[in-house]
Amino acid sequence: MIDTPPPPARSTSKSQSLKALKKAPTLIDVAKVAGVSPISVSRTINQPELVSPAIQQKVREAIAQTGYLPNKLAGSLASRSSWLVAVIVPTIANAVFAETVQAITDSLSRAGYQTLLGLSSYDIQQEEVLLTTILGSRPDGIILIGTQHTVETRRRLQQSPIPVVETWDLAPDPIDGLVGFSHSRVGQVVGEYLLAKGHRRFASISANDQRAVRRFGGFMSALREAGIENLASRTVEAPARFQQGREQLAQLLDAGESFTAVYCSTDTIAHGVISEALHRGLRVPEDLAVVGFGNLDFAAHTYPSITTVAVKGEEIGRLAAEALIERMTNDEDEAQSGCRIDVGFSIIERESA
């Protein structure tokens, strides 16, 4: 039997200090550094009016020194308010939603709420997964872009006491509040506009997201009312890109399709269509009229400038946030539940059509 010496004792001080570094500082740690009681730290964070300025200063310095982060979830359990609003959008790659999201964030911030942004990728199943997670965080309110959801999403939101505002669309049966405009009506008005310009042969390049599909349906309704049933149509994956406009117009022209006007579901596609048309020596709008959607910031500055549909994205965001804040801050009997606001839209006539 061979005796072996015991392993050298590990330095507990180093391992303990490393462990301490990895551990999040607590309210008690802040109290120790500040030299005050834990209740004084808690009151400084939650009820500063009850604490002297001198103690407040000590606690603030200790918080900065330790890196302590107050447990807002624990506070929300007591106050029944998380001061958190979830906003689910299809994508951040599409600039058309930027004004709405910014207006929502700004309005909520002024009221003391933080925004949790979720991306559904134009997928209502993904939206359902996101909402399952979000509801577990107990937000005070939810804002959704769009009105089409899974059956389970609608059921859970309708059963939940959390106020909901859907945006960027109109629907006969909203979950709760609704701020938007009619996409079907947009498409119909664009069709009527091009028909009034004398066009009778059309092409369409449109994305496959729900709202773009409804706009295309409205466009086709206007054409059918004028006795036009056929058009050269292409569908692209959302979010729409400049490249898709160029590629799809090129394919239509190479296939020998004949048309004098192109309906595009976004300004981004319209920009690509115009670039491809000019590249091929076509005059816009003399040989080919082009209409987009969204009135994005570049639409007025392309050559030629893009005729488009302007939507009130900033107003949608502001009104949605205001409606939600009213629901979240007022008593149930005082708040106006289920607001229905149609912000409308307008055609901006420019050089391309």
Protein backbone atom coordinates (compact mmCIF):
# COMPACT_ATOMS: atom_id res chain seq x y z
CA MET A 1 0.00 0.00 0.00
CA ILE A 2 1.46 3.27 -1.06
CA ASP A 3 0.65 6.31 0.99
CA THR A 4 -0.05 9.38 -1.11
CA PRO A 5 -0.04 12.86 0.29
CA PRO A 6 -3.38 14.61 0.45
CA PRO A 7 -4.10 17.06 -2.38
CA PRO A 8 -3.06 20.59 -1.64
CA ALA A 9 -5.79 22.66 -0.09
CA ARG A 10 -7.48 24.95 -2.58
CA SER A 11 -7.43 28.62 -1.94
CA THR A 12 -10.94 29.32 -0.82
CA SER A 13 -10.43 33.04 -0.78
CA LYS A 14 -9.85 33.22 -4.55
CA SER A 15 -12.70 30.87 -5.47
CA GLN A 16 -15.02 32.66 -3.10
CA SER A 17 -14.08 36.04 -4.53
CA LEU A 18 -14.67 34.78 -8.08
CA LYS A 19 -18.02 33.43 -7.00
CA ALA A 20 -18.84 36.73 -5.37
CA LEU A 21 -17.97 38.56 -8.58
CA LYS A 22 -20.39 36.39 -10.52
CA LYS A 23 -23.20 36.92 -8.02
CA ALA A 24 -25.57 39.81 -8.71
CA PRO A 25 -25.45 42.43 -5.94
CA THR A 26 -28.47 42.53 -3.67
CA LEU A 27 -30.28 45.24 -1.79
CA ILE A 28 -28.49 44.08 1.36
CA ASP A 29 -25.12 44.53 -0.37
CA VAL A 30 -26.10 48.11 -1.20
CA ALA A 31 -27.15 48.71 2.41
CA LYS A 32 -23.78 47.46 3.69
CA VAL A 33 -21.80 49.68 1.31
CA ALA A 34 -23.98 52.70 2.09
CA GLY A 35 -23.90 52.07 5.82
CA VAL A 36 -27.67 52.25 6.14
CA SER A 37 -30.47 49.79 6.77
CA PRO A 38 -32.00 47.70 3.94
CA ILE A 39 -35.33 49.46 4.49
CA SER A 40 -33.63 52.80 3.81
CA VAL A 41 -32.34 51.46 0.49
CA SER A 42 -35.79 50.16 -0.42
CA ARG A 43 -37.42 53.46 0.45
CA THR A 44 -34.82 55.43 -1.51
CA ILE A 45 -35.65 53.37 -4.60
CA ASN A 46 -39.42 53.17 -4.22
CA GLN A 47 -40.45 56.05 -1.90
CA PRO A 48 -37.63 58.63 -1.88
CA GLU A 49 -39.88 61.25 -0.29
CA LEU A 50 -39.64 59.27 2.95
CA VAL A 51 -35.83 59.40 3.06
CA SER A 52 -33.53 62.31 3.86
CA PRO A 53 -31.40 63.76 1.02
CA ALA A 54 -28.22 62.66 2.81
CA ILE A 55 -29.30 59.01 2.94
CA GLN A 56 -30.55 59.17 -0.65
CA GLN A 57 -27.09 60.35 -1.73
CA LYS A 58 -25.37 57.51 0.17
CA VAL A 59 -27.69 54.93 -1.40
CA ARG A 60 -27.25 56.30 -4.93
CA GLU A 61 -23.48 56.18 -4.55
CA ALA A 62 -23.66 52.62 -3.22
CA ILE A 63 -25.89 51.55 -6.11
CA ALA A 64 -23.40 52.99 -8.59
CA GLN A 65 -20.50 51.30 -6.78
CA THR A 66 -22.11 47.85 -6.58
CA GLY A 67 -23.95 47.89 -9.92
CA TYR A 68 -27.18 46.92 -8.18
CA LEU A 69 -30.29 46.65 -10.36
CA PRO A 70 -33.67 46.92 -8.61
CA ASN A 71 -35.92 43.89 -9.05
CA LYS A 72 -38.75 45.47 -11.01
CA LEU A 73 -40.59 42.17 -11.35
CA ALA A 74 -40.80 41.82 -7.58
CA GLY A 75 -42.07 45.36 -7.34
CA SER A 76 -44.65 44.69 -10.01
CA LEU A 77 -46.06 41.79 -8.03
CA ALA A 78 -46.82 44.15 -5.19
CA SER A 79 -48.04 47.08 -7.27
CA ARG A 80 -49.72 44.93 -9.95
CA SER A 81 -47.95 47.05 -12.55
CA SER A 82 -44.86 46.10 -14.52
CA TRP A 83 -44.61 49.46 -16.34
CA LEU A 84 -43.89 47.36 -19.41
CA VAL A 85 -45.74 47.38 -22.75
CA ALA A 86 -45.11 44.73 -25.39
CA VAL A 87 -45.13 45.80 -29.04
CA ILE A 88 -45.07 43.09 -31.71
CA VAL A 89 -44.18 44.12 -35.26
CA PRO A 90 -43.65 42.00 -38.38
CA THR A 91 -40.08 43.22 -38.98
CA ILE A 92 -37.66 46.06 -38.41
CA ALA A 93 -36.33 45.65 -41.97
CA ASN A 94 -39.39 47.42 -43.40
CA ALA A 95 -39.07 51.17 -42.89
CA VAL A 96 -42.82 51.62 -43.26
CA PHE A 97 -43.32 50.61 -39.61
CA ALA A 98 -40.53 52.79 -38.20
CA GLU A 99 -42.63 55.92 -37.59
CA THR A 100 -45.30 53.90 -35.80
CA VAL A 101 -42.86 52.12 -33.50
CA GLN A 102 -41.03 55.37 -32.71
CA ALA A 103 -44.28 57.19 -31.89
CA ILE A 104 -45.41 54.31 -29.66
CA THR A 105 -42.08 54.25 -27.82
CA ASP A 106 -41.98 58.03 -27.35
CA SER A 107 -45.57 58.25 -26.10
CA LEU A 108 -45.16 55.34 -23.68
CA SER A 109 -41.84 56.68 -22.40
CA ARG A 110 -43.38 60.03 -21.55
CA ALA A 111 -45.97 58.16 -19.49
CA GLY A 112 -43.28 56.19 -17.66
CA TYR A 113 -43.61 52.90 -19.56
CA GLN A 114 -40.83 50.85 -21.13
CA THR A 115 -41.31 49.11 -24.48
CA LEU A 116 -40.55 45.46 -25.15
CA LEU A 117 -40.24 44.91 -28.91
CA GLY A 118 -40.95 41.53 -30.49
CA LEU A 119 -40.56 40.53 -34.14
CA SER A 120 -43.10 38.12 -35.65
CA SER A 121 -41.44 37.87 -39.11
CA TYR A 122 -44.88 38.14 -40.79
CA ASP A 123 -45.74 34.78 -39.20
CA ILE A 124 -48.84 34.50 -37.00
CA GLN A 125 -47.49 31.26 -35.50
CA GLN A 126 -44.34 33.08 -34.45
CA GLU A 127 -46.53 35.84 -33.04
CA GLU A 128 -48.33 33.22 -30.91
CA VAL A 129 -45.01 31.94 -29.54
CA LEU A 130 -43.88 35.49 -28.74
CA LEU A 131 -47.12 36.29 -26.93
CA THR A 132 -46.87 33.14 -24.82
CA THR A 133 -43.52 34.35 -23.52
CA ILE A 134 -44.61 37.97 -23.21
CA LEU A 135 -47.74 37.21 -21.21
CA GLY A 136 -45.55 35.45 -18.68
CA SER A 137 -43.77 38.76 -18.08
CA ARG A 138 -47.08 40.35 -17.08
CA PRO A 139 -46.99 43.44 -19.31
CA ASP A 140 -49.42 46.23 -18.55
CA GLY A 141 -50.48 46.40 -22.20
CA ILE A 142 -49.90 44.96 -25.66
CA ILE A 143 -49.80 46.66 -29.08
CA LEU A 144 -49.91 44.52 -32.21
CA ILE A 145 -49.32 45.48 -35.83
CA GLY A 146 -52.00 43.68 -37.80
CA THR A 147 -55.35 42.08 -37.07
CA GLN A 148 -54.81 38.51 -38.30
CA HIS A 149 -53.77 36.11 -35.56
CA THR A 150 -54.03 32.43 -34.71
CA VAL A 151 -57.20 31.19 -33.00
CA GLU A 152 -55.17 30.51 -29.85
CA THR A 153 -53.70 34.04 -29.85
CA ARG A 154 -57.15 35.61 -30.08
CA ARG A 155 -58.51 33.34 -27.36
CA ARG A 156 -55.71 34.08 -24.92
CA LEU A 157 -55.78 37.83 -25.49
CA GLN A 158 -59.56 38.04 -25.24
CA GLN A 159 -59.50 36.11 -21.96
CA SER A 160 -56.62 38.15 -20.56
CA PRO A 161 -57.29 41.30 -18.52
CA ILE A 162 -54.37 42.99 -20.29
CA PRO A 163 -55.50 45.82 -22.64
CA VAL A 164 -54.68 45.25 -26.31
CA VAL A 165 -54.57 47.65 -29.26
CA GLU A 166 -54.24 46.33 -32.80
CA THR A 167 -52.86 48.72 -35.41
CA TRP A 168 -52.22 49.23 -39.11
CA ASP A 169 -55.49 47.66 -40.23
CA LEU A 170 -59.24 47.67 -39.77
CA ALA A 171 -61.30 44.61 -38.88
CA PRO A 172 -64.95 43.94 -38.00
CA ASP A 173 -64.01 41.92 -34.90
CA PRO A 174 -60.93 43.41 -33.19
CA ILE A 175 -59.64 41.84 -30.00
CA ASP A 176 -59.96 45.12 -28.09
CA GLY A 177 -58.80 48.54 -29.34
CA LEU A 178 -58.06 49.23 -33.01
CA VAL A 179 -56.21 52.06 -34.80
CA GLY A 180 -55.56 51.81 -38.53
CA PHE A 181 -56.95 52.06 -42.04
CA SER A 182 -58.48 49.82 -44.70
CA HIS A 183 -55.90 48.08 -46.88
CA SER A 184 -58.63 46.83 -49.21
CA ARG A 185 -59.74 50.40 -49.73
CA VAL A 186 -56.15 51.45 -50.46
CA GLY A 187 -55.89 48.94 -53.30
CA GLN A 188 -59.24 49.95 -54.73
CA VAL A 189 -58.40 53.66 -54.71
CA VAL A 190 -55.05 53.00 -56.44
CA GLY A 191 -56.87 50.97 -59.11
CA GLU A 192 -59.40 53.75 -59.64
CA TYR A 193 -56.58 56.29 -59.84
CA LEU A 194 -54.75 54.40 -62.61
CA LEU A 195 -57.98 53.71 -64.48
CA ALA A 196 -58.77 57.42 -64.41
CA LYS A 197 -55.37 58.03 -66.01
CA GLY A 198 -56.53 55.94 -68.98
CA HIS A 199 -54.64 52.71 -68.27
CA ARG A 200 -56.24 49.40 -69.26
CA ARG A 201 -53.28 46.98 -69.23
CA PHE A 202 -51.77 46.34 -65.82
CA ALA A 203 -49.06 44.43 -64.01
CA SER A 204 -48.74 43.84 -60.27
CA ILE A 205 -45.70 43.09 -58.12
CA SER A 206 -46.88 42.54 -54.56
CA ALA A 207 -45.55 41.01 -51.35
CA ASN A 208 -47.26 38.03 -49.71
CA ASP A 209 -47.90 39.50 -46.26
CA GLN A 210 -51.50 39.75 -45.06
CA ARG A 211 -51.93 43.49 -45.52
CA ALA A 212 -50.35 43.52 -48.99
CA VAL A 213 -52.66 40.66 -50.02
CA ARG A 214 -55.69 42.71 -48.97
CA ARG A 215 -54.44 45.75 -50.86
CA PHE A 216 -54.01 43.60 -53.97
CA GLY A 217 -57.54 42.28 -53.52
CA GLY A 218 -58.87 45.83 -53.44
CA PHE A 219 -56.86 46.69 -56.55
CA MET A 220 -58.32 43.71 -58.42
CA SER A 221 -61.82 44.71 -57.29
CA ALA A 222 -61.40 48.10 -58.96
CA LEU A 223 -60.20 46.48 -62.17
CA ARG A 224 -63.09 44.01 -62.25
CA GLU A 225 -65.57 46.83 -61.79
CA ALA A 226 -64.03 48.35 -64.93
CA GLY A 227 -64.39 45.05 -66.81
CA ILE A 228 -60.72 44.08 -66.57
CA GLU A 229 -60.08 40.54 -65.38
CA ASN A 230 -56.52 39.76 -66.39
CA LEU A 231 -53.21 41.27 -65.41
CA ALA A 232 -49.60 40.14 -65.22
CA SER A 233 -49.10 39.40 -61.53
CA ARG A 234 -46.02 38.52 -59.47
CA THR A 235 -45.83 37.76 -55.75
CA VAL A 236 -42.66 38.18 -53.67
CA GLU A 237 -41.69 37.26 -50.13
CA ALA A 238 -42.08 39.88 -47.41
CA PRO A 239 -40.35 42.07 -46.44
CA ALA A 240 -40.17 43.60 -49.91
CA ARG A 241 -36.79 44.63 -51.29
CA PHE A 242 -35.51 46.89 -54.06
CA GLN A 243 -33.95 43.90 -55.82
CA GLN A 244 -37.34 42.17 -56.07
CA GLY A 245 -38.79 45.09 -58.00
CA ARG A 246 -36.01 44.98 -60.58
CA GLU A 247 -36.01 41.20 -60.93
CA GLN A 248 -39.77 40.79 -61.21
CA LEU A 249 -40.20 43.56 -63.79
CA ALA A 250 -37.36 42.04 -65.80
CA GLN A 251 -39.07 38.65 -65.75
CA LEU A 252 -42.41 40.13 -66.80
CA LEU A 253 -40.85 42.03 -69.70
CA ASP A 254 -38.69 39.07 -70.78
CA ALA A 255 -41.83 36.90 -70.80
CA GLY A 256 -43.40 39.26 -73.33
CA GLU A 257 -46.09 40.63 -71.03
CA SER A 258 -47.68 43.86 -72.23
CA PHE A 259 -48.80 46.54 -69.75
CA THR A 260 -48.67 50.30 -69.27
CA ALA A 261 -48.96 50.51 -65.47
CA VAL A 262 -47.46 48.60 -62.56
CA TYR A 263 -49.11 48.34 -59.16
CA CYS A 264 -46.52 47.79 -56.39
CA SER A 265 -47.27 46.85 -52.81
CA THR A 266 -44.46 49.03 -51.43
CA ASP A 267 -42.33 52.01 -52.42
CA THR A 268 -39.28 49.75 -52.17
CA ILE A 269 -40.61 47.51 -54.94
CA ALA A 270 -41.72 50.54 -56.96
CA HIS A 271 -38.20 51.97 -56.74
CA GLY A 272 -36.77 48.74 -58.13
CA VAL A 273 -39.37 48.66 -60.92
CA ILE A 274 -38.53 52.22 -61.96
CA SER A 275 -34.79 51.49 -61.95
CA GLU A 276 -35.24 48.42 -64.17
CA ALA A 277 -37.58 50.28 -66.52
CA LEU A 278 -35.09 53.12 -66.98
CA HIS A 279 -32.27 50.63 -67.42
CA ARG A 280 -34.21 49.10 -70.33
CA GLY A 281 -34.85 52.47 -71.95
CA LEU A 282 -38.51 52.75 -70.92
CA ARG A 283 -39.87 56.17 -70.04
CA VAL A 284 -41.65 56.59 -66.72
CA PRO A 285 -44.53 57.42 -66.78
CA GLU A 286 -44.92 57.81 -70.57
CA ASP A 287 -44.25 54.13 -71.33
CA LEU A 288 -44.81 52.72 -67.87
CA ALA A 289 -46.64 54.25 -64.91
CA VAL A 290 -45.65 53.02 -61.43
CA VAL A 291 -47.46 53.41 -58.09
CA GLY A 292 -46.05 52.39 -54.70
CA PHE A 293 -47.23 52.35 -51.11
CA GLY A 294 -45.95 53.84 -47.86
CA ASN A 295 -44.56 57.25 -48.89
CA LEU A 296 -41.12 56.25 -47.60
CA ASP A 297 -38.56 59.01 -47.17
CA PHE A 298 -36.86 58.34 -50.51
CA ALA A 299 -40.08 58.29 -52.58
CA ALA A 300 -40.13 62.03 -53.16
CA HIS A 301 -36.44 62.14 -54.11
CA THR A 302 -36.01 59.34 -56.67
CA TYR A 303 -35.93 60.06 -60.39
CA PRO A 304 -38.68 60.13 -61.31
CA SER A 305 -40.30 60.67 -57.91
CA ILE A 306 -42.71 57.92 -56.87
CA THR A 307 -46.48 58.29 -56.86
CA THR A 308 -47.54 56.51 -53.70
CA VAL A 309 -50.05 56.05 -50.90
CA ALA A 310 -49.27 58.02 -47.76
CA VAL A 311 -50.29 56.48 -44.45
CA LYS A 312 -50.21 58.20 -41.07
CA GLY A 313 -47.74 55.89 -39.36
CA GLU A 314 -46.76 58.37 -36.65
CA GLU A 315 -50.40 59.17 -35.88
CA ILE A 316 -51.25 55.47 -35.68
CA GLY A 317 -48.49 54.94 -33.12
CA ARG A 318 -49.42 57.97 -31.05
CA LEU A 319 -53.15 57.19 -30.98
CA ALA A 320 -52.52 53.52 -30.20
CA ALA A 321 -50.24 54.43 -27.29
CA GLU A 322 -52.67 57.03 -25.96
CA ALA A 323 -55.58 54.58 -26.12
CA LEU A 324 -53.54 51.96 -24.30
CA ILE A 325 -52.31 54.39 -21.64
CA GLU A 326 -55.90 55.41 -20.94
CA ARG A 327 -56.87 51.78 -20.43
CA MET A 328 -53.85 51.05 -18.24
CA THR A 329 -54.12 54.09 -15.98
CA ASN A 330 -57.86 54.60 -15.54
CA ASP A 331 -60.31 52.48 -13.63
CA GLU A 332 -62.07 49.91 -15.77
CA ASP A 333 -65.35 51.80 -15.53
CA GLU A 334 -63.71 55.07 -16.61
CA ALA A 335 -61.49 53.82 -19.44
CA GLN A 336 -62.83 53.72 -22.96
CA SER A 337 -62.36 50.11 -23.98
CA GLY A 338 -62.47 48.93 -27.54
CA CYS A 339 -61.62 52.19 -29.35
CA ARG A 340 -62.10 52.11 -33.14
CA ILE A 341 -60.09 54.74 -35.02
CA ASP A 342 -59.76 54.96 -38.82
CA VAL A 343 -56.89 57.34 -39.61
CA GLY A 344 -57.40 57.08 -43.39
CA PHE A 345 -54.77 57.49 -46.13
CA SER A 346 -54.10 59.60 -49.22
CA ILE A 347 -52.58 59.23 -52.69
CA ILE A 348 -49.52 61.42 -53.26
CA GLU A 349 -49.31 62.15 -56.99
CA ARG A 350 -45.76 62.53 -58.24
CA GLU A 351 -43.86 61.94 -61.47
CA SER A 352 -44.05 58.13 -61.79
CA ALA A 353 -47.82 57.97 -62.45
